[in-house]
């Protein structure tokens, strides 16, 4: 197996809790490819199983797990508080990284483009409606291809908690995340200042947590039942209209 690439100016920051099986897959996919200056994780769910998984894979990592439930934005603030490296690789416990990531190129790209909030490792084709895709702007700078979604929606795509590389100075400029109620409010704030997220043109990460909620593992099961019932009713209406 090739030796992991060493990035001594990047800190891996991870939010986790409640999904030890997904956490292990996520951390293994990172550990085998890259080494970072520091690996820091916060467990906002008082979940000892995830603590054990993290310590088994990154015994020298910084684990913040004090049993205090701060909420997502409060946990992010606590996680970022002590970071000293120029860059943060942010992720959550339900993403894996099967592809190589050109961190060196992305760092130069972020340095040269101050209006770029971060470089997100997701391809927008994974989450945009087909009618929205014609509003994407395909751009390139410093040998990095990316998508600009600024015109897709008036509130979104100025910030994202999806896996991304971001400069620590950008985090410090934003200030405490607890001042924002939801992610879209952070996005609105960044867009007001002319910032946007640069999205990867080919997906560099894979979501493995679909249908598994950290806050409420049963929530998505209930939602799925509702969706099935709604589809059934819709199909009945369509069948009735077609016969009329």
C-alpha atoms as a PDB file:
ATOM      1  CA  UNK A   1       0.000   0.000   0.000  1.00  0.00           C
ATOM      2  CA  UNK A   2       1.393   3.461  -0.908  1.00  0.00           C
ATOM      3  CA  UNK A   3       2.538   5.695   1.914  1.00  0.00           C
ATOM      4  CA  UNK A   4      -0.118   8.316   2.834  1.00  0.00           C
ATOM      5  CA  UNK A   5       0.576  11.834   1.584  1.00  0.00           C
ATOM      6  CA  UNK A   6       1.676  14.222   4.318  1.00  0.00           C
ATOM      7  CA  UNK A   7      -0.017  17.622   4.657  1.00  0.00           C
ATOM      8  CA  UNK A   8       1.497  19.359   7.658  1.00  0.00           C
ATOM      9  CA  UNK A   9      -0.446  22.588   7.082  1.00  0.00           C
ATOM     10  CA  UNK A  10      -3.930  21.002   7.169  1.00  0.00           C
ATOM     11  CA  UNK A  11      -6.002  19.930  10.174  1.00  0.00           C
ATOM     12  CA  UNK A  12      -8.687  17.323   9.653  1.00  0.00           C
ATOM     13  CA  UNK A  13     -11.782  18.422  11.592  1.00  0.00           C
ATOM     14  CA  UNK A  14     -14.601  15.936  12.084  1.00  0.00           C
ATOM     15  CA  UNK A  15     -18.023  16.027  13.721  1.00  0.00           C
ATOM     16  CA  UNK A  16     -19.305  12.650  14.881  1.00  0.00           C
ATOM     17  CA  UNK A  17     -21.659  10.778  17.168  1.00  0.00           C
ATOM     18  CA  UNK A  18     -24.182   7.952  17.151  1.00  0.00           C
ATOM     19  CA  UNK A  19     -22.878   6.103  14.098  1.00  0.00           C
ATOM     20  CA  UNK A  20     -19.693   4.193  14.999  1.00  0.00           C
ATOM     21  CA  UNK A  21     -19.929   1.874  11.984  1.00  0.00           C
ATOM     22  CA  UNK A  22     -20.065   4.793   9.545  1.00  0.00           C
ATOM     23  CA  UNK A  23     -17.360   6.644  11.478  1.00  0.00           C
ATOM     24  CA  UNK A  24     -14.955   3.737  11.096  1.00  0.00           C
ATOM     25  CA  UNK A  25     -15.514   3.547   7.348  1.00  0.00           C
ATOM     26  CA  UNK A  26     -15.014   7.292   7.046  1.00  0.00           C
ATOM     27  CA  UNK A  27     -11.801   7.436   9.070  1.00  0.00           C
ATOM     28  CA  UNK A  28     -10.292   4.398   7.342  1.00  0.00           C
ATOM     29  CA  UNK A  29     -10.876   5.980   3.935  1.00  0.00           C
ATOM     30  CA  UNK A  30      -8.916   9.037   5.102  1.00  0.00           C
ATOM     31  CA  UNK A  31      -6.167   7.353   7.073  1.00  0.00           C
ATOM     32  CA  UNK A  32      -5.018   5.165   4.211  1.00  0.00           C
ATOM     33  CA  UNK A  33      -4.440   8.135   1.883  1.00  0.00           C
ATOM     34  CA  UNK A  34      -3.396  11.205   3.883  1.00  0.00           C
ATOM     35  CA  UNK A  35      -1.606  12.343   6.999  1.00  0.00           C
ATOM     36  CA  UNK A  36      -2.403  15.735   8.490  1.00  0.00           C
ATOM     37  CA  UNK A  37      -0.817  18.045  11.035  1.00  0.00           C
ATOM     38  CA  UNK A  38      -3.586  17.144  13.405  1.00  0.00           C
ATOM     39  CA  UNK A  39      -6.840  15.188  13.436  1.00  0.00           C
ATOM     40  CA  UNK A  40      -9.494  16.769  15.656  1.00  0.00           C
ATOM     41  CA  UNK A  41     -12.978  15.405  16.298  1.00  0.00           C
ATOM     42  CA  UNK A  42     -15.900  16.445  18.446  1.00  0.00           C
ATOM     43  CA  UNK A  43     -18.559  14.072  19.745  1.00  0.00           C
ATOM     44  CA  UNK A  44     -21.674  16.090  20.495  1.00  0.00           C
ATOM     45  CA  UNK A  45     -23.782  13.024  21.292  1.00  0.00           C
ATOM     46  CA  UNK A  46     -22.044  11.641  24.390  1.00  0.00           C
ATOM     47  CA  UNK A  47     -21.473   8.405  22.490  1.00  0.00           C
ATOM     48  CA  UNK A  48     -18.595   6.316  23.936  1.00  0.00           C
ATOM     49  CA  UNK A  49     -18.719   3.892  20.998  1.00  0.00           C
ATOM     50  CA  UNK A  50     -17.627   6.613  18.600  1.00  0.00           C
ATOM     51  CA  UNK A  51     -14.960   7.775  21.038  1.00  0.00           C
ATOM     52  CA  UNK A  52     -13.531   4.246  21.032  1.00  0.00           C
ATOM     53  CA  UNK A  53     -13.537   4.044  17.227  1.00  0.00           C
ATOM     54  CA  UNK A  54     -11.795   7.402  16.899  1.00  0.00           C
ATOM     55  CA  UNK A  55      -9.117   6.562  19.482  1.00  0.00           C
ATOM     56  CA  UNK A  56      -8.463   3.180  17.879  1.00  0.00           C
ATOM     57  CA  UNK A  57      -7.741   4.762  14.477  1.00  0.00           C
ATOM     58  CA  UNK A  58      -6.211   8.068  15.601  1.00  0.00           C
ATOM     59  CA  UNK A  59      -4.752   7.405  19.079  1.00  0.00           C
ATOM     60  CA  UNK A  60      -2.862  10.703  18.923  1.00  0.00           C
ATOM     61  CA  UNK A  61      -5.812  12.691  17.604  1.00  0.00           C
ATOM     62  CA  UNK A  62      -7.556  15.434  19.531  1.00  0.00           C
ATOM     63  CA  UNK A  63     -10.881  14.112  20.822  1.00  0.00           C
ATOM     64  CA  UNK A  64     -13.378  16.592  22.269  1.00  0.00           C
ATOM     65  CA  UNK A  65     -15.972  14.555  24.119  1.00  0.00           C
ATOM     66  CA  UNK A  66     -17.062  16.061  27.414  1.00  0.00           C
ATOM     67  CA  UNK A  67     -20.725  15.032  27.415  1.00  0.00           C
ATOM     68  CA  UNK A  68     -21.933  18.568  26.750  1.00  0.00           C
ATOM     69  CA  UNK A  69     -24.457  18.838  23.923  1.00  0.00           C
ATOM     70  CA  UNK A  70     -23.755  22.157  22.245  1.00  0.00           C
ATOM     71  CA  UNK A  71     -25.769  21.689  19.065  1.00  0.00           C
ATOM     72  CA  UNK A  72     -24.190  21.539  15.624  1.00  0.00           C
ATOM     73  CA  UNK A  73     -22.968  25.126  15.366  1.00  0.00           C
ATOM     74  CA  UNK A  74     -21.769  25.203  18.963  1.00  0.00           C
ATOM     75  CA  UNK A  75     -19.854  21.974  18.376  1.00  0.00           C
ATOM     76  CA  UNK A  76     -18.238  23.454  15.261  1.00  0.00           C
ATOM     77  CA  UNK A  77     -17.120  26.513  17.229  1.00  0.00           C
ATOM     78  CA  UNK A  78     -15.603  24.304  19.940  1.00  0.00           C
ATOM     79  CA  UNK A  79     -13.894  22.140  17.333  1.00  0.00           C
ATOM     80  CA  UNK A  80     -12.349  25.040  15.443  1.00  0.00           C
ATOM     81  CA  UNK A  81     -11.345  27.065  18.508  1.00  0.00           C
ATOM     82  CA  UNK A  82      -7.841  25.668  18.904  1.00  0.00           C
ATOM     83  CA  UNK A  83      -6.905  25.055  15.278  1.00  0.00           C
ATOM     84  CA  UNK A  84      -3.631  26.715  14.254  1.00  0.00           C
ATOM     85  CA  UNK A  85      -2.942  25.349  10.757  1.00  0.00           C
ATOM     86  CA  UNK A  86      -3.637  27.564   7.716  1.00  0.00           C
ATOM     87  CA  UNK A  87      -6.196  25.108   6.319  1.00  0.00           C
ATOM     88  CA  UNK A  88      -9.013  22.914   7.626  1.00  0.00           C
ATOM     89  CA  UNK A  89     -10.306  19.793   5.916  1.00  0.00           C
ATOM     90  CA  UNK A  90     -13.842  19.600   7.324  1.00  0.00           C
ATOM     91  CA  UNK A  91     -15.965  16.473   7.172  1.00  0.00           C
ATOM     92  CA  UNK A  92     -18.583  14.480   9.078  1.00  0.00           C
ATOM     93  CA  UNK A  93     -18.747  10.835  10.089  1.00  0.00           C
ATOM     94  CA  UNK A  94     -20.905   9.688   7.164  1.00  0.00           C
ATOM     95  CA  UNK A  95     -18.602  10.518   4.241  1.00  0.00           C
ATOM     96  CA  UNK A  96     -15.911   8.354   2.690  1.00  0.00           C
ATOM     97  CA  UNK A  97     -13.189   9.446   0.299  1.00  0.00           C
ATOM     98  CA  UNK A  98     -12.438   6.811  -2.348  1.00  0.00           C
ATOM     99  CA  UNK A  99     -10.739   9.253  -4.730  1.00  0.00           C
ATOM    100  CA  UNK A 100      -7.410  11.057  -4.585  1.00  0.00           C
ATOM    101  CA  UNK A 101      -7.748  14.744  -3.695  1.00  0.00           C
ATOM    102  CA  UNK A 102      -5.259  17.319  -5.003  1.00  0.00           C
ATOM    103  CA  UNK A 103      -4.932  19.212  -1.740  1.00  0.00           C
ATOM    104  CA  UNK A 104      -1.832  21.027  -2.986  1.00  0.00           C
ATOM    105  CA  UNK A 105      -3.649  22.505  -5.985  1.00  0.00           C
ATOM    106  CA  UNK A 106      -6.724  23.367  -3.954  1.00  0.00           C
ATOM    107  CA  UNK A 107      -4.654  25.248  -1.365  1.00  0.00           C
ATOM    108  CA  UNK A 108      -3.085  27.416  -4.090  1.00  0.00           C
ATOM    109  CA  UNK A 109      -6.526  27.966  -5.585  1.00  0.00           C
ATOM    110  CA  UNK A 110      -7.958  29.164  -2.254  1.00  0.00           C
ATOM    111  CA  UNK A 111      -4.951  31.411  -1.661  1.00  0.00           C
ATOM    112  CA  UNK A 112      -5.431  33.120  -5.034  1.00  0.00           C
ATOM    113  CA  UNK A 113      -9.227  33.508  -4.909  1.00  0.00           C
ATOM    114  CA  UNK A 114     -10.324  35.437  -1.852  1.00  0.00           C
ATOM    115  CA  UNK A 115     -14.008  35.420  -2.830  1.00  0.00           C
ATOM    116  CA  UNK A 116     -14.121  31.620  -2.724  1.00  0.00           C
ATOM    117  CA  UNK A 117     -15.389  30.490   0.671  1.00  0.00           C
ATOM    118  CA  UNK A 118     -14.161  26.922   0.349  1.00  0.00           C
ATOM    119  CA  UNK A 119     -13.619  24.105  -2.116  1.00  0.00           C
ATOM    120  CA  UNK A 120     -16.406  21.557  -1.617  1.00  0.00           C
ATOM    121  CA  UNK A 121     -15.619  17.975  -2.590  1.00  0.00           C
ATOM    122  CA  UNK A 122     -19.160  17.228  -3.816  1.00  0.00           C
ATOM    123  CA  UNK A 123     -20.328  17.358  -7.408  1.00  0.00           C
ATOM    124  CA  UNK A 124     -23.539  19.458  -7.612  1.00  0.00           C
ATOM    125  CA  UNK A 125     -25.092  16.878  -9.930  1.00  0.00           C
ATOM    126  CA  UNK A 126     -25.671  14.800  -6.786  1.00  0.00           C
ATOM    127  CA  UNK A 127     -28.093  17.255  -5.221  1.00  0.00           C
ATOM    128  CA  UNK A 128     -29.340  19.752  -7.804  1.00  0.00           C
ATOM    129  CA  UNK A 129     -32.589  19.378  -9.699  1.00  0.00           C
ATOM    130  CA  UNK A 130     -32.179  19.063 -13.444  1.00  0.00           C
ATOM    131  CA  UNK A 131     -33.883  22.445 -13.947  1.00  0.00           C
ATOM    132  CA  UNK A 132     -31.260  24.077 -11.704  1.00  0.00           C
ATOM    133  CA  UNK A 133     -28.223  22.738 -13.490  1.00  0.00           C
ATOM    134  CA  UNK A 134     -28.419  25.230 -16.347  1.00  0.00           C
ATOM    135  CA  UNK A 135     -27.748  27.981 -13.760  1.00  0.00           C
ATOM    136  CA  UNK A 136     -24.339  26.539 -12.867  1.00  0.00           C
ATOM    137  CA  UNK A 137     -21.248  28.405 -14.016  1.00  0.00           C
ATOM    138  CA  UNK A 138     -18.307  26.165 -14.981  1.00  0.00           C
ATOM    139  CA  UNK A 139     -15.084  28.002 -14.157  1.00  0.00           C
ATOM    140  CA  UNK A 140     -11.358  27.369 -13.786  1.00  0.00           C
ATOM    141  CA  UNK A 141      -8.486  29.046 -11.974  1.00  0.00           C
ATOM    142  CA  UNK A 142      -4.975  28.000 -10.880  1.00  0.00           C
ATOM    143  CA  UNK A 143      -5.415  24.717 -12.754  1.00  0.00           C
ATOM    144  CA  UNK A 144      -8.523  23.846 -10.700  1.00  0.00           C
ATOM    145  CA  UNK A 145     -11.855  23.259 -12.404  1.00  0.00           C
ATOM    146  CA  UNK A 146     -14.935  24.042 -10.344  1.00  0.00           C
ATOM    147  CA  UNK A 147     -18.620  24.939 -10.438  1.00  0.00           C
ATOM    148  CA  UNK A 148     -19.981  28.245  -9.153  1.00  0.00           C
ATOM    149  CA  UNK A 149     -23.601  27.892  -7.947  1.00  0.00           C
ATOM    150  CA  UNK A 150     -24.121  31.530  -6.924  1.00  0.00           C
ATOM    151  CA  UNK A 151     -27.056  32.015  -9.308  1.00  0.00           C
ATOM    152  CA  UNK A 152     -28.813  28.727  -8.541  1.00  0.00           C
ATOM    153  CA  UNK A 153     -30.477  29.953  -5.353  1.00  0.00           C
ATOM    154  CA  UNK A 154     -30.563  33.344  -3.577  1.00  0.00           C
ATOM    155  CA  UNK A 155     -29.686  31.867  -0.157  1.00  0.00           C
ATOM    156  CA  UNK A 156     -27.659  28.704  -0.679  1.00  0.00           C
ATOM    157  CA  UNK A 157     -24.125  27.939  -1.912  1.00  0.00           C
ATOM    158  CA  UNK A 158     -22.290  30.719  -0.117  1.00  0.00           C
ATOM    159  CA  UNK A 159     -21.308  28.217   2.576  1.00  0.00           C
ATOM    160  CA  UNK A 160     -21.616  24.472   3.083  1.00  0.00           C
ATOM    161  CA  UNK A 161     -20.799  21.981   5.833  1.00  0.00           C
ATOM    162  CA  UNK A 162     -20.399  19.227   3.240  1.00  0.00           C
ATOM    163  CA  UNK A 163     -16.792  17.953   3.044  1.00  0.00           C
ATOM    164  CA  UNK A 164     -14.534  20.817   2.036  1.00  0.00           C
ATOM    165  CA  UNK A 165     -11.150  22.481   2.324  1.00  0.00           C
ATOM    166  CA  UNK A 166     -11.227  25.987   3.795  1.00  0.00           C
ATOM    167  CA  UNK A 167      -8.661  28.526   5.000  1.00  0.00           C
ATOM    168  CA  UNK A 168      -8.598  29.116   8.743  1.00  0.00           C
ATOM    169  CA  UNK A 169      -8.619  32.880   8.131  1.00  0.00           C
ATOM    170  CA  UNK A 170     -11.990  32.491   6.411  1.00  0.00           C
ATOM    171  CA  UNK A 171     -13.327  30.744   9.507  1.00  0.00           C
ATOM    172  CA  UNK A 172     -12.027  33.537  11.729  1.00  0.00           C
ATOM    173  CA  UNK A 173     -13.654  36.136   9.454  1.00  0.00           C
ATOM    174  CA  UNK A 174     -17.032  34.413   9.787  1.00  0.00           C
ATOM    175  CA  UNK A 175     -16.790  34.417  13.574  1.00  0.00           C
ATOM    176  CA  UNK A 176     -18.829  32.163  15.859  1.00  0.00           C
ATOM    177  CA  UNK A 177     -21.227  29.867  14.019  1.00  0.00           C
ATOM    178  CA  UNK A 178     -23.671  29.980  16.942  1.00  0.00           C
ATOM    179  CA  UNK A 179     -24.681  33.460  15.778  1.00  0.00           C
ATOM    180  CA  UNK A 180     -26.372  31.742  12.826  1.00  0.00           C
ATOM    181  CA  UNK A 181     -29.494  29.657  13.350  1.00  0.00           C
ATOM    182  CA  UNK A 182     -29.005  27.359  10.369  1.00  0.00           C
ATOM    183  CA  UNK A 183     -26.461  26.602   7.655  1.00  0.00           C
ATOM    184  CA  UNK A 184     -28.367  28.647   5.085  1.00  0.00           C
ATOM    185  CA  UNK A 185     -27.987  31.711   7.295  1.00  0.00           C
ATOM    186  CA  UNK A 186     -24.215  31.286   7.155  1.00  0.00           C
ATOM    187  CA  UNK A 187     -24.557  30.962   3.390  1.00  0.00           C
ATOM    188  CA  UNK A 188     -26.610  34.164   3.138  1.00  0.00           C
ATOM    189  CA  UNK A 189     -23.996  35.993   5.212  1.00  0.00           C
ATOM    190  CA  UNK A 190     -21.188  34.895   2.902  1.00  0.00           C
ATOM    191  CA  UNK A 191     -23.129  35.719  -0.259  1.00  0.00           C
ATOM    192  CA  UNK A 192     -23.789  39.220   1.031  1.00  0.00           C
ATOM    193  CA  UNK A 193     -20.022  39.670   1.099  1.00  0.00           C
ATOM    194  CA  UNK A 194     -19.648  38.332  -2.441  1.00  0.00           C
ATOM    195  CA  UNK A 195     -18.361  34.894  -1.453  1.00  0.00           C
ATOM    196  CA  UNK A 196     -19.288  31.548  -2.967  1.00  0.00           C
ATOM    197  CA  UNK A 197     -18.427  27.879  -2.568  1.00  0.00           C
ATOM    198  CA  UNK A 198     -16.442  26.303  -5.394  1.00  0.00           C
ATOM    199  CA  UNK A 199     -17.788  22.799  -6.042  1.00  0.00           C
ATOM    200  CA  UNK A 200     -15.827  19.901  -7.503  1.00  0.00           C
ATOM    201  CA  UNK A 201     -16.646  19.003 -11.096  1.00  0.00           C
ATOM    202  CA  UNK A 202     -16.344  15.332 -10.237  1.00  0.00           C
ATOM    203  CA  UNK A 203     -17.324  13.999  -6.848  1.00  0.00           C
ATOM    204  CA  UNK A 204     -14.398  13.372  -4.524  1.00  0.00           C
ATOM    205  CA  UNK A 205     -16.487  11.994  -1.671  1.00  0.00           C
ATOM    206  CA  UNK A 206     -19.349   9.552  -1.163  1.00  0.00           C
ATOM    207  CA  UNK A 207     -22.210   9.922   1.297  1.00  0.00           C
ATOM    208  CA  UNK A 208     -22.851   6.718   3.247  1.00  0.00           C
ATOM    209  CA  UNK A 209     -25.275   8.083   5.857  1.00  0.00           C
ATOM    210  CA  UNK A 210     -28.469   8.338   3.820  1.00  0.00           C
ATOM    211  CA  UNK A 211     -31.414   7.442   6.038  1.00  0.00           C
ATOM    212  CA  UNK A 212     -29.329   7.407   9.245  1.00  0.00           C
ATOM    213  CA  UNK A 213     -29.951  10.491  11.373  1.00  0.00           C
ATOM    214  CA  UNK A 214     -27.475  11.332  14.147  1.00  0.00           C
ATOM    215  CA  UNK A 215     -30.001  13.270  16.192  1.00  0.00           C
ATOM    216  CA  UNK A 216     -32.839  10.761  15.811  1.00  0.00           C
ATOM    217  CA  UNK A 217     -32.112   7.386  14.180  1.00  0.00           C
ATOM    218  CA  UNK A 218     -35.848   6.689  13.817  1.00  0.00           C
ATOM    219  CA  UNK A 219     -36.713  10.016  12.214  1.00  0.00           C
ATOM    220  CA  UNK A 220     -35.887   9.023   8.686  1.00  0.00           C
ATOM    221  CA  UNK A 221     -37.743   5.736   9.031  1.00  0.00           C
ATOM    222  CA  UNK A 222     -40.892   7.702   9.868  1.00  0.00           C
ATOM    223  CA  UNK A 223     -40.258  10.081   6.974  1.00  0.00           C
ATOM    224  CA  UNK A 224     -39.798   7.122   4.623  1.00  0.00           C
ATOM    225  CA  UNK A 225     -43.189   5.699   5.628  1.00  0.00           C
ATOM    226  CA  UNK A 226     -44.800   9.080   4.982  1.00  0.00           C
ATOM    227  CA  UNK A 227     -43.107   9.327   1.575  1.00  0.00           C
ATOM    228  CA  UNK A 228     -44.322   5.842   0.627  1.00  0.00           C
ATOM    229  CA  UNK A 229     -47.892   6.733   1.670  1.00  0.00           C
ATOM    230  CA  UNK A 230     -47.759  10.002  -0.304  1.00  0.00           C
ATOM    231  CA  UNK A 231     -46.479   8.207  -3.411  1.00  0.00           C
ATOM    232  CA  UNK A 232     -49.290   5.676  -3.105  1.00  0.00           C
ATOM    233  CA  UNK A 233     -51.910   8.440  -2.900  1.00  0.00           C
ATOM    234  CA  UNK A 234     -50.346  10.264  -5.829  1.00  0.00           C
ATOM    235  CA  UNK A 235     -50.335   7.104  -7.923  1.00  0.00           C
ATOM    236  CA  UNK A 236     -54.021   6.532  -7.118  1.00  0.00           C
ATOM    237  CA  UNK A 237     -54.840  10.084  -8.238  1.00  0.00           C
ATOM    238  CA  UNK A 238     -52.866   9.657 -11.455  1.00  0.00           C
ATOM    239  CA  UNK A 239     -54.609   6.351 -12.166  1.00  0.00           C
ATOM    240  CA  UNK A 240     -58.014   7.928 -11.559  1.00  0.00           C
ATOM    241  CA  UNK A 241     -57.233  10.915 -13.827  1.00  0.00           C
ATOM    242  CA  UNK A 242     -55.961   8.668 -16.623  1.00  0.00           C
ATOM    243  CA  UNK A 243     -59.223   6.701 -16.583  1.00  0.00           C
ATOM    244  CA  UNK A 244     -61.425   9.775 -16.520  1.00  0.00           C
END
